[in-house]
N, C-alpha and C. Protein backbone atom coordinates (compact mmCIF):
# COMPACT_ATOMS: atom_id res chain seq x y z
N MET A 1 214.59 127.94 88.70
CA MET A 1 215.72 128.66 87.90
C MET A 1 216.62 127.64 87.39
N PHE A 2 217.03 127.91 86.18
CA PHE A 2 217.85 126.87 85.43
C PHE A 2 219.22 126.85 85.91
N SER A 3 219.95 125.80 85.54
CA SER A 3 221.40 125.70 86.08
C SER A 3 222.21 125.96 84.92
N LEU A 4 223.21 126.79 85.27
CA LEU A 4 224.23 127.22 84.16
C LEU A 4 225.32 126.08 84.28
N LEU A 5 225.47 125.32 85.29
CA LEU A 5 226.73 124.37 85.28
C LEU A 5 226.14 122.94 84.64
N ASN A 6 226.10 122.92 83.39
CA ASN A 6 225.49 121.71 82.84
C ASN A 6 226.69 120.96 82.06
N ARG A 7 227.93 121.36 82.34
CA ARG A 7 228.89 120.70 81.65
C ARG A 7 229.59 119.57 82.59
N PRO A 8 229.63 118.19 82.06
CA PRO A 8 230.04 117.21 82.79
C PRO A 8 231.46 117.36 83.20
N SER A 9 232.00 116.53 83.98
CA SER A 9 233.41 116.56 84.40
C SER A 9 234.38 116.15 83.23
N SER A 10 233.83 115.44 82.30
CA SER A 10 234.55 115.02 81.17
C SER A 10 233.82 115.25 79.96
N GLY A 11 234.44 115.28 78.76
CA GLY A 11 233.85 115.45 77.51
C GLY A 11 233.77 117.02 77.09
N PRO A 12 233.17 117.32 75.96
CA PRO A 12 233.21 118.52 75.33
C PRO A 12 232.31 119.42 76.20
N PRO A 13 232.75 120.79 76.14
CA PRO A 13 231.92 121.68 76.96
C PRO A 13 230.61 121.92 76.11
N ARG A 14 229.42 122.25 76.76
CA ARG A 14 228.24 122.50 76.29
C ARG A 14 227.74 124.08 76.76
N TYR A 15 226.86 124.55 75.84
CA TYR A 15 226.34 125.87 76.22
C TYR A 15 225.38 125.72 77.42
N PRO A 16 225.12 126.83 78.21
CA PRO A 16 224.30 126.92 79.16
C PRO A 16 222.79 126.79 78.56
N GLU A 17 221.85 126.35 79.35
CA GLU A 17 220.48 126.22 78.73
C GLU A 17 219.85 127.47 78.28
N GLU A 18 218.91 127.58 77.59
CA GLU A 18 218.07 128.55 77.13
C GLU A 18 217.19 128.88 78.36
N GLY A 19 216.49 130.12 78.41
CA GLY A 19 215.69 130.47 79.42
C GLY A 19 214.87 131.75 79.19
N THR A 20 213.76 131.82 79.82
CA THR A 20 212.88 133.01 79.72
C THR A 20 212.70 133.56 81.18
N LEU A 21 212.98 134.80 81.35
CA LEU A 21 212.98 135.26 82.84
C LEU A 21 211.85 136.31 82.96
N ARG A 22 210.96 136.19 84.03
CA ARG A 22 210.01 137.02 84.17
C ARG A 22 209.95 136.93 85.83
N PRO A 23 209.80 138.19 86.37
CA PRO A 23 209.57 138.12 87.95
C PRO A 23 208.08 137.43 88.31
N THR A 24 208.18 136.68 89.28
CA THR A 24 207.09 135.98 89.81
C THR A 24 206.10 137.12 90.24
N GLY A 25 206.59 137.99 91.03
CA GLY A 25 205.66 139.11 91.54
C GLY A 25 204.94 139.84 90.41
N ALA A 26 205.51 140.05 89.35
CA ALA A 26 204.79 140.80 88.26
C ALA A 26 203.70 139.87 87.68
N ARG A 27 203.99 138.53 87.63
CA ARG A 27 203.03 137.61 87.09
C ARG A 27 201.87 137.43 88.05
N VAL A 28 202.05 137.40 89.32
CA VAL A 28 200.95 137.52 90.37
C VAL A 28 200.18 138.66 90.19
N LEU A 29 200.80 139.81 90.25
CA LEU A 29 200.07 141.14 90.17
C LEU A 29 199.19 141.11 88.83
N ALA A 30 199.81 140.66 87.70
CA ALA A 30 198.92 140.83 86.46
C ALA A 30 197.87 139.82 86.51
N GLY A 31 198.14 138.61 87.02
CA GLY A 31 197.07 137.43 87.15
C GLY A 31 195.85 138.08 87.87
N THR A 32 196.22 138.73 89.02
CA THR A 32 195.12 139.06 89.97
C THR A 32 194.41 140.31 89.15
N ALA A 33 195.05 141.26 88.67
CA ALA A 33 194.39 142.37 88.02
C ALA A 33 193.53 141.90 86.81
N ILE A 34 193.83 140.85 85.98
CA ILE A 34 193.17 140.40 85.09
C ILE A 34 191.94 139.71 85.52
N GLY A 35 192.17 138.97 86.71
CA GLY A 35 191.00 138.21 87.25
C GLY A 35 190.02 139.33 87.69
N VAL A 36 190.49 140.36 88.40
CA VAL A 36 189.33 141.49 88.70
C VAL A 36 188.62 142.08 87.53
N ALA A 37 189.53 142.29 86.41
CA ALA A 37 188.79 142.93 85.20
C ALA A 37 187.72 141.74 84.62
N VAL A 38 187.92 140.36 84.72
CA VAL A 38 187.07 139.46 84.29
C VAL A 38 185.63 139.55 85.27
N VAL A 39 186.01 139.65 86.45
CA VAL A 39 184.77 139.70 87.48
C VAL A 39 184.02 141.05 87.11
N ALA A 40 184.70 142.07 86.87
CA ALA A 40 184.02 143.42 86.45
C ALA A 40 183.20 143.27 85.28
N ALA A 41 183.80 142.43 84.09
CA ALA A 41 183.05 142.19 82.98
C ALA A 41 181.74 141.35 83.16
N VAL A 42 181.93 140.36 84.08
CA VAL A 42 180.77 139.49 84.30
C VAL A 42 179.68 140.36 85.11
N SER A 43 180.12 141.13 86.05
CA SER A 43 179.12 142.04 86.67
C SER A 43 178.38 142.91 85.67
N ILE A 44 179.07 143.45 84.79
CA ILE A 44 178.45 144.41 83.76
C ILE A 44 177.42 143.52 83.03
N ALA A 45 177.73 142.36 82.61
CA ALA A 45 176.83 141.46 81.88
C ALA A 45 175.65 141.15 82.55
N TYR A 46 175.54 141.17 83.92
CA TYR A 46 174.41 140.98 84.65
C TYR A 46 173.54 142.22 84.78
N GLN A 47 174.26 143.49 84.69
CA GLN A 47 173.60 144.59 85.07
C GLN A 47 172.99 145.32 83.84
N PHE A 48 173.45 145.10 82.62
CA PHE A 48 173.00 145.76 81.43
C PHE A 48 172.49 144.76 80.40
N PRO A 49 171.68 145.34 79.46
CA PRO A 49 171.35 144.47 78.20
C PRO A 49 172.67 144.05 77.44
N PRO A 50 172.42 143.02 76.93
CA PRO A 50 173.68 142.38 76.04
C PRO A 50 174.45 143.38 75.20
N PRO A 51 173.74 144.23 74.41
CA PRO A 51 174.40 145.19 73.56
C PRO A 51 175.25 146.29 74.39
N THR A 52 174.59 146.77 75.23
CA THR A 52 175.29 147.69 76.28
C THR A 52 176.33 147.12 76.96
N ALA A 53 176.12 145.94 77.58
CA ALA A 53 177.14 145.23 78.37
C ALA A 53 178.33 144.97 77.47
N LEU A 54 178.21 144.54 76.24
CA LEU A 54 179.30 144.30 75.44
C LEU A 54 180.11 145.50 75.22
N LEU A 55 179.46 146.67 74.93
CA LEU A 55 180.17 148.03 74.86
C LEU A 55 180.90 148.41 76.12
N LEU A 56 180.21 148.23 77.24
CA LEU A 56 180.87 148.75 78.47
C LEU A 56 182.06 147.87 78.94
N ALA A 57 181.98 146.58 78.49
CA ALA A 57 183.07 145.65 78.84
C ALA A 57 184.34 146.07 78.31
N GLY A 58 184.43 147.15 77.43
CA GLY A 58 185.84 147.66 76.90
C GLY A 58 186.57 148.31 77.99
N ILE A 59 185.90 148.82 79.05
CA ILE A 59 186.48 149.43 80.25
C ILE A 59 187.42 148.53 80.99
N PRO A 60 186.88 147.43 81.36
CA PRO A 60 187.80 146.49 82.17
C PRO A 60 188.67 145.78 81.13
N ALA A 61 188.20 145.74 79.89
CA ALA A 61 189.17 144.99 78.91
C ALA A 61 190.42 145.88 78.79
N LEU A 62 190.34 147.15 78.71
CA LEU A 62 191.38 148.01 78.67
C LEU A 62 192.30 147.84 79.82
N GLY A 63 191.74 147.72 80.93
CA GLY A 63 192.51 147.54 82.23
C GLY A 63 193.44 146.24 82.22
N ALA A 64 192.58 145.28 81.79
CA ALA A 64 193.27 143.92 81.69
C ALA A 64 194.49 143.97 80.59
N VAL A 65 194.28 144.61 79.43
CA VAL A 65 195.38 144.60 78.48
C VAL A 65 196.52 145.49 78.92
N LEU A 66 196.04 146.58 79.73
CA LEU A 66 197.23 147.53 80.24
C LEU A 66 198.17 146.64 81.15
N VAL A 67 197.58 145.99 82.16
CA VAL A 67 198.24 145.26 83.04
C VAL A 67 199.01 144.18 82.46
N TRP A 68 198.50 143.44 81.48
CA TRP A 68 199.27 142.45 80.65
C TRP A 68 200.36 143.01 79.94
N ALA A 69 200.26 144.06 79.38
CA ALA A 69 201.37 144.78 78.59
C ALA A 69 202.47 145.28 79.55
N LEU A 70 202.03 145.76 80.56
CA LEU A 70 202.95 146.36 81.54
C LEU A 70 203.80 145.27 82.47
N TYR A 71 203.13 144.14 82.78
CA TYR A 71 203.54 143.28 83.68
C TYR A 71 203.72 141.80 83.31
N TRP A 72 202.79 141.37 82.54
CA TRP A 72 202.94 139.96 82.13
C TRP A 72 203.88 139.79 80.78
N HIS A 73 203.64 140.50 79.79
CA HIS A 73 204.26 140.41 78.45
C HIS A 73 205.73 140.64 78.67
N PRO A 74 206.09 141.54 79.26
CA PRO A 74 207.71 141.85 79.16
C PRO A 74 208.47 140.76 79.92
N HIS A 75 209.62 140.39 79.19
CA HIS A 75 210.40 139.31 79.85
C HIS A 75 211.88 139.48 79.10
N VAL A 76 212.73 138.73 79.60
CA VAL A 76 214.14 138.61 79.03
C VAL A 76 214.36 137.18 78.54
N ASP A 77 214.59 136.88 77.31
CA ASP A 77 215.12 135.59 76.77
C ASP A 77 216.53 135.54 76.79
N ILE A 78 217.10 134.50 77.24
CA ILE A 78 218.55 134.28 77.18
C ILE A 78 218.84 132.98 76.44
N SER A 79 219.90 132.91 75.72
CA SER A 79 220.37 131.65 74.99
C SER A 79 221.79 131.99 74.69
N PRO A 80 222.51 130.94 74.18
CA PRO A 80 223.93 130.89 73.97
C PRO A 80 224.29 131.93 72.94
N ALA A 81 223.27 132.36 72.04
CA ALA A 81 223.39 133.36 70.99
C ALA A 81 223.50 134.81 71.60
N GLY A 82 222.77 135.06 72.79
CA GLY A 82 222.69 136.31 73.22
C GLY A 82 221.36 136.39 74.11
N MET A 83 220.89 137.64 74.25
CA MET A 83 219.67 137.91 75.14
C MET A 83 218.71 138.80 74.32
N ALA A 84 217.47 138.81 74.64
CA ALA A 84 216.33 139.61 74.02
C ALA A 84 215.74 140.40 75.13
N PHE A 85 215.71 141.69 75.19
CA PHE A 85 214.92 142.39 76.12
C PHE A 85 213.52 142.69 75.37
N VAL A 86 212.57 141.86 75.78
CA VAL A 86 211.22 142.13 75.40
C VAL A 86 210.49 143.03 76.19
N ASN A 87 210.48 144.32 75.95
CA ASN A 87 209.97 145.32 76.67
C ASN A 87 208.37 145.56 76.25
N ILE A 88 207.73 146.66 76.78
CA ILE A 88 206.34 146.74 76.47
C ILE A 88 206.20 147.05 74.98
N LEU A 89 206.76 147.89 74.35
CA LEU A 89 206.43 148.26 72.83
C LEU A 89 207.45 147.78 71.88
N ARG A 90 208.63 147.38 72.38
CA ARG A 90 209.58 146.77 71.41
C ARG A 90 210.47 145.87 71.91
N THR A 91 211.18 145.03 71.19
CA THR A 91 212.06 143.97 71.47
C THR A 91 213.42 144.26 71.07
N THR A 92 214.33 144.09 71.82
CA THR A 92 215.85 144.41 71.51
C THR A 92 216.65 143.19 71.59
N PRO A 93 217.18 142.51 70.51
CA PRO A 93 218.09 141.48 70.66
C PRO A 93 219.55 141.89 70.82
N ILE A 94 220.37 141.28 71.70
CA ILE A 94 221.61 141.70 72.05
C ILE A 94 222.55 140.45 71.95
N PRO A 95 223.41 140.33 71.03
CA PRO A 95 224.38 139.13 71.25
C PRO A 95 225.24 139.31 72.36
N TRP A 96 225.63 138.05 72.99
CA TRP A 96 226.62 138.26 74.17
C TRP A 96 227.87 138.99 73.96
N PRO A 97 228.46 138.71 72.82
CA PRO A 97 229.74 139.61 72.55
C PRO A 97 229.60 141.07 72.46
N ALA A 98 228.44 141.40 72.20
CA ALA A 98 228.30 142.95 72.18
C ALA A 98 228.03 143.59 73.39
N VAL A 99 227.97 142.74 74.64
CA VAL A 99 227.82 143.30 75.95
C VAL A 99 229.24 144.00 76.41
N ASP A 100 229.31 145.16 76.63
CA ASP A 100 230.50 145.82 77.14
C ASP A 100 230.52 145.99 78.64
N ALA A 101 229.31 146.22 79.14
CA ALA A 101 229.27 146.32 80.75
C ALA A 101 227.93 146.05 81.14
N PHE A 102 227.60 145.63 82.38
CA PHE A 102 226.29 145.76 82.93
C PHE A 102 226.27 146.88 83.85
N ASP A 103 225.12 147.69 83.91
CA ASP A 103 224.82 148.70 84.71
C ASP A 103 223.53 148.22 85.57
N LEU A 104 223.78 148.03 86.91
CA LEU A 104 222.72 147.36 87.79
C LEU A 104 222.08 148.31 88.60
N ARG A 105 222.31 149.70 88.45
CA ARG A 105 222.08 150.45 89.49
C ARG A 105 220.37 150.65 89.61
N TYR A 106 219.69 150.61 88.46
CA TYR A 106 218.14 150.75 88.49
C TYR A 106 217.49 149.47 87.89
N GLY A 107 218.19 148.37 87.72
CA GLY A 107 217.73 147.19 87.22
C GLY A 107 218.76 146.49 86.27
N LEU A 108 218.23 145.94 85.36
CA LEU A 108 219.19 145.17 84.31
C LEU A 108 219.37 146.12 83.00
N ALA A 109 220.60 146.57 82.91
CA ALA A 109 220.80 147.43 81.77
C ALA A 109 222.13 147.01 81.20
N VAL A 110 222.40 147.16 79.96
CA VAL A 110 223.83 146.92 79.48
C VAL A 110 224.19 147.96 78.51
N THR A 111 225.51 148.19 78.54
CA THR A 111 226.21 149.11 77.58
C THR A 111 226.84 148.21 76.45
N THR A 112 226.47 148.47 75.21
CA THR A 112 226.84 147.57 74.11
C THR A 112 228.28 148.17 73.67
N ARG A 113 228.91 147.35 72.86
CA ARG A 113 230.24 147.91 72.27
C ARG A 113 230.01 148.72 71.17
N TRP A 114 228.70 149.04 70.81
CA TRP A 114 228.31 150.02 69.94
C TRP A 114 228.25 151.42 70.45
N GLY A 115 228.14 151.39 71.89
CA GLY A 115 228.05 152.68 72.56
C GLY A 115 226.58 152.90 72.87
N THR A 116 225.67 151.95 72.69
CA THR A 116 224.16 152.26 73.05
C THR A 116 223.92 151.59 74.42
N LYS A 117 222.89 152.00 75.11
CA LYS A 117 222.57 151.47 76.33
C LYS A 117 221.04 150.82 76.27
N GLU A 118 221.07 149.61 76.62
CA GLU A 118 219.54 149.08 76.60
C GLU A 118 219.27 148.53 77.92
N SER A 119 217.92 148.77 78.33
CA SER A 119 217.44 148.37 79.65
C SER A 119 216.27 147.38 79.46
N ALA A 120 216.10 146.41 80.47
CA ALA A 120 214.96 145.51 80.44
C ALA A 120 213.92 146.00 81.49
N TRP A 121 212.78 146.31 80.83
CA TRP A 121 211.70 146.70 81.65
C TRP A 121 211.13 145.55 82.59
N ALA A 122 211.43 144.20 82.18
CA ALA A 122 210.95 143.13 83.04
C ALA A 122 211.62 142.95 84.33
N ILE A 123 212.80 143.33 84.39
CA ILE A 123 213.60 143.07 85.53
C ILE A 123 214.08 144.33 86.24
N PRO A 124 213.46 144.85 87.12
CA PRO A 124 213.84 145.95 87.84
C PRO A 124 214.68 145.65 89.07
N ARG A 125 215.37 146.66 89.62
CA ARG A 125 216.23 146.43 90.78
C ARG A 125 215.43 146.00 92.07
N ALA A 126 215.86 145.21 92.81
CA ALA A 126 215.33 144.85 94.15
C ALA A 126 216.43 144.97 95.17
N MET A 127 216.87 146.12 95.50
CA MET A 127 217.93 146.23 96.47
C MET A 127 217.80 147.64 97.25
N LYS A 128 218.56 147.58 98.31
CA LYS A 128 218.41 148.86 99.12
C LYS A 128 219.57 149.99 98.73
N ARG A 129 220.59 149.43 98.06
CA ARG A 129 221.51 150.50 97.71
C ARG A 129 221.88 150.24 96.17
N ALA A 130 222.30 151.26 95.54
CA ALA A 130 222.84 151.20 94.17
C ALA A 130 224.03 150.37 93.99
N LEU A 131 224.12 149.39 93.06
CA LEU A 131 225.32 148.81 92.69
C LEU A 131 226.25 149.53 91.96
N PRO A 132 227.52 149.34 92.07
CA PRO A 132 228.46 150.06 91.02
C PRO A 132 228.36 149.57 89.69
N THR A 133 228.73 150.34 88.70
CA THR A 133 228.88 149.89 87.32
C THR A 133 230.31 149.37 87.11
N SER A 134 230.47 148.74 86.05
CA SER A 134 231.80 148.16 85.75
C SER A 134 232.88 149.27 85.88
N ARG A 135 232.68 150.35 85.52
CA ARG A 135 233.57 151.55 85.56
C ARG A 135 233.82 152.03 86.96
N GLN A 136 232.66 151.90 87.80
CA GLN A 136 232.93 152.51 89.08
C GLN A 136 233.56 151.50 90.07
N ALA A 137 233.21 150.11 89.75
CA ALA A 137 233.63 149.18 90.83
C ALA A 137 235.08 149.10 90.85
N PRO A 138 235.68 148.74 91.96
CA PRO A 138 237.18 148.50 92.13
C PRO A 138 237.58 147.26 91.31
N ALA A 139 238.82 147.29 90.88
CA ALA A 139 239.14 146.01 90.19
C ALA A 139 239.39 144.83 90.95
N GLY A 140 239.09 143.57 90.64
CA GLY A 140 239.17 142.31 91.36
C GLY A 140 238.03 141.53 91.18
N PRO A 141 236.89 141.76 91.91
CA PRO A 141 235.85 140.88 91.81
C PRO A 141 235.20 141.04 90.50
N SER A 142 234.61 139.82 89.99
CA SER A 142 233.99 139.69 88.69
C SER A 142 232.70 140.46 88.76
N ALA A 143 231.95 140.65 87.62
CA ALA A 143 230.62 141.25 87.64
C ALA A 143 229.57 140.32 88.48
N GLY A 144 229.68 139.02 88.21
CA GLY A 144 228.81 138.11 88.84
C GLY A 144 228.91 138.25 90.31
N ALA A 145 230.16 138.18 90.90
CA ALA A 145 230.49 138.41 92.38
C ALA A 145 229.93 139.75 92.92
N ARG A 146 230.18 140.76 92.15
CA ARG A 146 229.63 142.19 92.60
C ARG A 146 228.18 142.10 92.72
N THR A 147 227.40 141.34 91.96
CA THR A 147 225.97 141.44 92.10
C THR A 147 225.34 140.65 93.07
N ARG A 148 226.14 139.89 93.85
CA ARG A 148 225.44 138.98 94.86
C ARG A 148 224.70 139.82 96.01
N ASP A 149 224.91 141.05 96.15
CA ASP A 149 224.27 141.88 97.11
C ASP A 149 222.93 142.19 96.59
N ASN A 150 222.66 142.05 95.27
CA ASN A 150 221.47 142.28 94.71
C ASN A 150 220.32 141.30 95.06
N ALA A 151 219.30 141.66 95.50
CA ALA A 151 218.17 140.69 96.09
C ALA A 151 217.27 140.17 94.94
N ASN A 152 217.47 140.74 93.75
CA ASN A 152 216.70 140.08 92.40
C ASN A 152 217.73 138.97 91.79
N PRO A 153 217.12 137.71 91.97
CA PRO A 153 217.95 136.69 91.49
C PRO A 153 217.99 136.53 89.96
N LEU A 154 216.95 137.31 89.22
CA LEU A 154 217.07 137.25 87.90
C LEU A 154 218.17 138.06 87.37
N ILE A 155 218.45 139.28 87.80
CA ILE A 155 219.63 140.01 87.52
C ILE A 155 220.93 139.13 87.56
N ILE A 156 221.06 138.33 88.79
CA ILE A 156 222.25 137.64 89.02
C ILE A 156 222.33 136.53 88.00
N ALA A 157 221.11 136.06 87.51
CA ALA A 157 221.15 134.86 86.63
C ALA A 157 221.52 135.28 85.15
N VAL A 158 221.36 136.56 84.73
CA VAL A 158 221.78 137.06 83.60
C VAL A 158 223.26 137.39 83.55
N VAL A 159 223.83 137.97 84.68
CA VAL A 159 225.18 138.26 84.67
C VAL A 159 226.06 136.95 84.68
N ASP A 160 225.56 136.00 85.55
CA ASP A 160 226.18 134.87 85.67
C ASP A 160 226.31 133.96 84.41
N TYR A 161 225.24 134.18 83.64
CA TYR A 161 224.97 133.44 82.36
C TYR A 161 226.28 133.95 81.42
N HIS A 162 226.39 135.25 81.47
CA HIS A 162 227.42 135.91 80.58
C HIS A 162 228.81 135.52 81.09
N ALA A 163 229.03 135.56 82.50
CA ALA A 163 230.21 135.09 83.13
C ALA A 163 230.59 133.68 82.67
N GLU A 164 229.59 132.72 82.69
CA GLU A 164 229.84 131.37 82.47
C GLU A 164 230.34 131.12 80.91
N LEU A 165 229.55 131.93 79.90
CA LEU A 165 230.10 131.77 78.63
C LEU A 165 231.30 132.34 78.47
N ASP A 166 231.62 133.34 79.12
CA ASP A 166 233.05 134.12 79.03
C ASP A 166 234.14 133.13 79.64
N LYS A 167 233.82 132.38 80.72
CA LYS A 167 234.88 131.47 81.35
C LYS A 167 235.03 130.30 80.42
N ARG A 168 234.03 129.87 79.64
CA ARG A 168 234.19 128.74 78.71
C ARG A 168 234.80 129.02 77.59
N GLY A 169 235.13 130.27 77.26
CA GLY A 169 235.91 130.69 76.00
C GLY A 169 234.94 131.09 74.92
N PHE A 170 233.60 131.18 75.01
CA PHE A 170 232.70 131.30 73.98
C PHE A 170 232.71 132.80 73.52
N LEU A 171 233.22 133.61 74.31
CA LEU A 171 233.11 135.03 73.88
C LEU A 171 234.36 135.57 73.66
N ALA A 172 235.54 134.68 73.37
CA ALA A 172 236.98 135.09 72.93
C ALA A 172 236.91 135.52 71.46
N ASP A 173 237.57 136.64 71.29
CA ASP A 173 237.71 137.15 69.95
C ASP A 173 236.44 137.39 69.16
N PRO A 174 235.59 137.96 69.65
CA PRO A 174 234.18 138.29 69.24
C PRO A 174 234.32 139.07 67.85
N VAL A 175 233.50 138.67 66.76
CA VAL A 175 233.40 139.33 65.55
C VAL A 175 231.91 139.93 65.56
N LEU A 176 231.83 141.29 65.47
CA LEU A 176 230.58 141.90 65.50
C LEU A 176 230.46 142.85 64.27
N GLU A 177 229.27 142.96 63.69
CA GLU A 177 228.86 143.77 62.71
C GLU A 177 228.80 145.27 63.20
N ASN A 178 229.08 146.04 62.18
CA ASN A 178 229.11 147.49 62.60
C ASN A 178 227.67 148.05 62.70
N THR A 179 226.83 147.43 63.25
CA THR A 179 225.32 147.99 63.27
C THR A 179 224.96 147.74 64.74
N THR A 180 224.17 148.80 65.12
CA THR A 180 223.58 148.70 66.49
C THR A 180 222.41 147.73 66.59
N PRO A 181 222.02 147.44 67.72
CA PRO A 181 220.89 146.37 67.92
C PRO A 181 219.73 146.85 67.20
N GLN A 182 219.11 145.97 66.42
CA GLN A 182 217.80 146.24 65.70
C GLN A 182 216.67 146.08 66.53
N HIS A 183 215.86 147.28 66.95
CA HIS A 183 214.73 147.15 67.68
C HIS A 183 213.60 146.76 66.79
N ARG A 184 212.80 145.90 67.39
CA ARG A 184 211.55 145.45 66.67
C ARG A 184 210.32 145.83 67.49
N TRP A 185 209.44 146.46 66.72
CA TRP A 185 208.16 146.97 67.42
C TRP A 185 207.32 145.63 67.78
N ASN A 186 206.64 145.68 68.80
CA ASN A 186 205.85 144.53 69.39
C ASN A 186 204.38 144.88 68.81
N THR A 187 204.24 144.70 67.49
CA THR A 187 202.98 145.07 66.83
C THR A 187 201.63 144.49 67.49
N GLY A 188 201.84 143.29 67.90
CA GLY A 188 200.58 142.56 68.65
C GLY A 188 200.06 143.41 69.88
N VAL A 189 201.18 143.76 70.59
CA VAL A 189 200.90 144.53 71.76
C VAL A 189 200.27 145.90 71.58
N ILE A 190 200.92 146.57 70.68
CA ILE A 190 200.43 147.96 70.27
C ILE A 190 198.94 147.84 69.62
N ALA A 191 198.75 146.89 68.81
CA ALA A 191 197.38 146.79 68.25
C ALA A 191 196.31 146.41 69.40
N ALA A 192 196.74 145.57 70.34
CA ALA A 192 195.80 145.27 71.47
C ALA A 192 195.52 146.56 72.28
N LEU A 193 196.50 147.27 72.59
CA LEU A 193 196.27 148.52 73.19
C LEU A 193 195.54 149.49 72.60
N LEU A 194 195.75 149.59 71.33
CA LEU A 194 194.92 150.64 70.48
C LEU A 194 193.44 150.22 70.39
N LEU A 195 193.26 148.89 70.16
CA LEU A 195 191.93 148.67 70.07
C LEU A 195 191.18 148.51 71.21
N THR A 196 191.70 148.19 72.32
CA THR A 196 190.89 148.32 73.59
C THR A 196 190.86 149.57 74.08
N ALA A 197 191.91 150.56 73.84
CA ALA A 197 191.72 151.91 74.06
C ALA A 197 190.35 152.57 73.41
N ALA A 198 190.30 152.18 72.02
CA ALA A 198 188.98 152.67 71.44
C ALA A 198 187.76 152.03 71.88
N TRP A 199 187.92 150.85 72.22
CA TRP A 199 186.71 150.13 72.86
C TRP A 199 186.36 150.92 74.06
N ALA A 200 187.23 151.12 74.99
CA ALA A 200 187.03 151.83 76.27
C ALA A 200 186.47 153.21 75.96
N ALA A 201 187.05 153.92 75.10
CA ALA A 201 186.56 155.32 74.76
C ALA A 201 185.10 155.14 74.29
N ALA A 202 184.73 154.33 73.48
CA ALA A 202 183.36 154.11 73.08
C ALA A 202 182.40 153.84 74.26
N ALA A 203 182.90 153.02 75.21
CA ALA A 203 182.15 152.86 76.47
C ALA A 203 181.85 153.88 77.36
N ILE A 204 182.86 154.79 77.29
CA ILE A 204 182.92 156.10 78.25
C ILE A 204 181.86 157.09 77.63
N ILE A 205 181.86 157.14 76.21
CA ILE A 205 180.94 158.05 75.67
C ILE A 205 179.56 157.41 75.75
N CYS A 206 179.29 156.21 75.71
CA CYS A 206 177.99 155.46 75.84
C CYS A 206 177.55 155.88 77.26
N LEU A 207 178.44 155.82 78.40
CA LEU A 207 178.04 156.30 79.81
C LEU A 207 177.51 157.63 79.83
N GLN A 208 178.28 158.41 79.09
CA GLN A 208 177.98 159.98 79.10
C GLN A 208 176.54 160.35 78.34
N VAL A 209 176.22 159.68 77.57
CA VAL A 209 175.11 160.04 76.78
C VAL A 209 173.88 159.18 77.30
N ARG A 210 174.03 158.26 78.11
CA ARG A 210 172.74 157.58 78.82
C ARG A 210 171.94 158.54 79.66
């Protein structure tokens, strides 16, 4: 985990470091599933002639791509400029001054100053009880302090990052454009899913006509 406290005791203030956040458990699950898919493809190669094996390998290939798209690819990028929720099919960049409130009841989600709500697929909640939103919570403790009960350290890192920027005055008097966050489709992920789905469909047809 990166440190947010990188300002020396003297000298000009610095921005916190940049970082990419992915849950370790999701990466382990994805790596294991992809490994199983590779073993399945090798097994198919030993059991069938090369042309048939190549076609049937589409089934484990689809499984590997699905697991990669669901658990390995999604992440949250944070930098002094803002954060980007890289979800399964699309990416949403959110500048820090646009964050109006954090909603941590079901994971990492933010309400923007434009009135939209954006959620991060990569960072689900990991807690026994729902946390209050900024509107539900009593006045006093900061957002970072209220999330200390959350067992997911990645959510704490994002909220603390925002709080640290605010404390250093980087979010004072923000100037925002009158446009909502621009969603970008993850064309590479979509193409991989479509191609392997077609490959797997051809493999299933091959098995049915054998």
